Amino acid sequence: MLLEVKNLRAKVIEDDKEILKGVNLNIKPGEIHVLMGPNGSGKSTLSNVIMGSPKFEVTDGEVLFEGENILELDTNERAKKGIFLTFQHPQEIEGVKMRQFLINAYRHMHPDEKVSPIELNKRLKKLCEKINLKPEFLDRYVNSGFSGGEKKKVKYYNYSFYNQN
């Protein structure tokens, strides 16, 4: 199992209000799940709790990622394992090119891996081909002027690039 959420209960720390009341979820590798529900039903809370937001306190249950309970890990440690929370409408970052952003993030997430810039560029181009993005995409500023489809592809692109070895 890739991700298992078992009887997860969590509350908002600020007002002591319980939002998650025994949530269970199992996601196997390669599966895609969609969370749907009315406003206030806990979709964002679940995502934030899995990511480790300090605004919430887990009062019961487990969140297992590849069999490891991640609830005691800091947010950056969860990210290094490949857990991400992305924005529906990501911020544009003028002046920072996608290539620079991705390579710096990759090096931060894989500090012990010695990979030349040439090899990282080859990996970036190969991933562009895989998800049907033109290589010129790498020379654009982060999220600047991206279409809705490009923004969706960037989320997949980032995850795939950071988690390759």
Protein backbone atom coordinates (compact mmCIF):
# COMPACT_ATOMS: atom_id res chain seq x y z
CA MET A 1 0.00 0.00 0.00
CA LEU A 2 1.35 3.43 -0.92
CA LEU A 3 -0.78 5.46 1.49
CA GLU A 4 -3.01 4.21 4.30
CA VAL A 5 -5.07 6.50 6.46
CA LYS A 6 -6.49 4.60 9.43
CA ASN A 7 -9.22 5.99 11.69
CA LEU A 8 -7.72 9.48 11.41
CA ARG A 9 -9.16 12.04 13.77
CA ALA A 10 -7.87 15.61 13.77
CA LYS A 11 -8.88 19.01 15.05
CA VAL A 12 -8.10 22.63 14.32
CA ILE A 13 -5.77 23.74 17.12
CA GLU A 14 -6.95 27.36 17.11
CA ASP A 15 -10.58 26.65 18.00
CA ASP A 16 -10.32 23.03 19.22
CA LYS A 17 -12.88 21.95 16.59
CA GLU A 18 -12.71 18.33 15.40
CA ILE A 19 -12.89 18.16 11.60
CA LEU A 20 -11.73 14.64 10.75
CA LYS A 21 -13.78 12.01 12.54
CA GLY A 22 -12.35 8.60 11.79
CA VAL A 23 -11.22 8.91 8.16
CA ASN A 24 -10.00 5.78 6.37
CA LEU A 25 -8.34 5.75 2.96
CA ASN A 26 -6.16 3.27 1.07
CA ILE A 27 -4.20 4.20 -2.04
CA LYS A 28 -2.14 1.64 -3.93
CA PRO A 29 0.78 2.60 -6.22
CA GLY A 30 -0.48 3.87 -9.57
CA GLU A 31 -3.99 4.65 -8.35
CA ILE A 32 -5.59 8.05 -8.65
CA HIS A 33 -8.16 9.17 -6.09
CA VAL A 34 -10.39 12.22 -6.11
CA LEU A 35 -11.79 13.71 -2.92
CA MET A 36 -15.15 15.35 -3.42
CA GLY A 37 -17.61 16.83 -1.01
CA PRO A 38 -19.26 20.03 0.14
CA ASN A 39 -17.35 22.95 1.62
CA GLY A 40 -16.35 22.22 5.18
CA SER A 41 -16.37 18.44 4.84
CA GLY A 42 -12.64 18.03 5.57
CA LYS A 43 -11.00 17.59 2.13
CA SER A 44 -8.39 20.30 2.67
CA THR A 45 -7.99 19.36 6.31
CA LEU A 46 -7.16 15.77 5.35
CA SER A 47 -4.57 16.98 2.83
CA ASN A 48 -3.05 19.40 5.32
CA VAL A 49 -2.89 16.80 8.08
CA ILE A 50 -1.19 14.29 5.76
CA MET A 51 1.32 16.99 4.83
CA GLY A 52 1.93 17.94 8.48
CA SER A 53 0.38 21.39 8.81
CA PRO A 54 0.94 22.84 12.30
CA LYS A 55 -2.63 24.25 12.27
CA PHE A 56 -4.03 20.79 13.02
CA GLU A 57 -3.60 18.24 15.80
CA VAL A 58 -4.07 14.54 15.16
CA THR A 59 -6.00 13.08 18.07
CA ASP A 60 -6.19 9.47 16.86
CA GLY A 61 -5.27 7.22 13.99
CA GLU A 62 -2.34 6.67 11.69
CA VAL A 63 -1.08 7.87 8.34
CA LEU A 64 1.18 5.26 6.80
CA PHE A 65 3.26 6.06 3.74
CA GLU A 66 4.88 2.94 2.27
CA GLY A 67 4.24 1.26 5.63
CA GLU A 68 5.83 3.99 7.79
CA ASN A 69 3.74 6.12 10.14
CA ILE A 70 4.61 9.66 9.04
CA LEU A 71 2.69 11.60 11.69
CA GLU A 72 5.83 12.29 13.72
CA LEU A 73 7.83 13.52 10.71
CA ASP A 74 8.32 17.20 9.93
CA THR A 75 6.79 18.54 6.73
CA ASN A 76 10.15 18.67 4.94
CA GLU A 77 10.82 15.03 5.84
CA ARG A 78 7.45 14.06 4.37
CA ALA A 79 8.28 16.00 1.20
CA LYS A 80 11.61 14.17 0.88
CA LYS A 81 9.66 10.91 0.89
CA GLY A 82 7.62 12.16 -2.07
CA ILE A 83 4.53 13.59 -0.38
CA PHE A 84 3.44 16.93 -1.80
CA LEU A 85 0.55 19.32 -1.45
CA THR A 86 0.17 21.57 -4.47
CA PHE A 87 -1.81 24.71 -5.01
CA GLN A 88 -4.85 24.79 -7.25
CA HIS A 89 -3.63 28.17 -8.52
CA PRO A 90 0.17 28.22 -8.09
CA GLN A 91 2.08 31.45 -7.58
CA GLU A 92 3.98 32.89 -10.54
CA ILE A 93 7.68 33.48 -9.86
CA GLU A 94 9.10 36.00 -12.33
CA GLY A 95 12.87 35.81 -12.74
CA VAL A 96 13.24 32.12 -11.83
CA LYS A 97 13.28 29.74 -14.77
CA MET A 98 11.70 26.29 -14.51
CA ARG A 99 15.04 24.60 -15.30
CA GLN A 100 16.80 26.47 -12.45
CA PHE A 101 13.91 25.84 -10.04
CA LEU A 102 13.71 22.10 -10.78
CA ILE A 103 17.46 21.49 -10.65
CA ASN A 104 17.85 23.39 -7.36
CA ALA A 105 14.91 21.55 -5.81
CA TYR A 106 16.25 18.19 -7.04
CA ARG A 107 19.68 18.87 -5.55
CA HIS A 108 18.06 19.88 -2.24
CA MET A 109 15.98 16.70 -2.12
CA HIS A 110 18.90 14.45 -3.16
CA PRO A 111 21.93 16.06 -1.46
CA ASP A 112 24.06 12.90 -1.53
CA GLU A 113 23.53 12.21 -5.22
CA LYS A 114 26.31 13.56 -7.40
CA VAL A 115 24.72 14.29 -10.78
CA SER A 116 26.20 16.63 -13.36
CA PRO A 117 24.14 19.56 -14.67
CA ILE A 118 24.34 17.95 -18.12
CA GLU A 119 22.75 14.74 -16.80
CA LEU A 120 20.03 16.66 -14.96
CA ASN A 121 19.25 18.58 -18.15
CA LYS A 122 18.98 15.30 -20.06
CA ARG A 123 16.53 14.01 -17.45
CA LEU A 124 14.48 17.20 -17.67
CA LYS A 125 14.25 16.99 -21.46
CA LYS A 126 13.31 13.31 -21.34
CA LEU A 127 10.53 14.07 -18.85
CA CYS A 128 9.29 16.92 -21.09
CA GLU A 129 8.95 14.42 -23.93
CA LYS A 130 7.15 11.93 -21.70
CA ILE A 131 4.39 14.37 -20.75
CA ASN A 132 4.30 16.19 -24.10
CA LEU A 133 5.79 19.54 -23.10
CA LYS A 134 8.09 21.41 -25.43
CA PRO A 135 11.68 21.71 -24.09
CA GLU A 136 11.34 25.53 -24.31
CA PHE A 137 9.06 25.16 -21.31
CA LEU A 138 12.20 24.81 -19.15
CA ASP A 139 13.31 28.32 -20.07
CA ARG A 140 10.06 29.98 -18.98
CA TYR A 141 9.61 31.57 -15.57
CA VAL A 142 7.96 29.38 -12.93
CA ASN A 143 4.19 29.28 -13.57
CA SER A 144 4.37 32.56 -15.49
CA GLY A 145 1.72 32.64 -18.20
CA PHE A 146 1.11 28.89 -18.01
CA SER A 147 -2.16 27.60 -19.37
CA GLY A 148 -4.40 25.50 -17.11
CA GLY A 149 -3.15 22.34 -18.80
CA GLU A 150 0.48 23.36 -18.38
CA LYS A 151 -0.09 24.03 -14.68
CA LYS A 152 -1.50 20.52 -14.26
CA LYS A 153 1.40 19.00 -16.16
CA VAL A 154 3.89 20.95 -14.02
CA LYS A 155 2.52 19.29 -10.86
CA TYR A 156 3.11 15.85 -12.36
CA TYR A 157 6.44 16.96 -13.84
CA ASN A 158 7.74 18.23 -10.49
CA TYR A 159 6.73 15.06 -8.65
CA SER A 160 8.22 12.79 -11.32
CA PHE A 161 11.49 14.70 -11.55
CA TYR A 162 12.11 14.90 -7.80
CA ASN A 163 11.40 11.22 -7.26
CA GLN A 164 13.59 9.68 -9.93
CA ASN A 165 16.88 8.04 -9.05
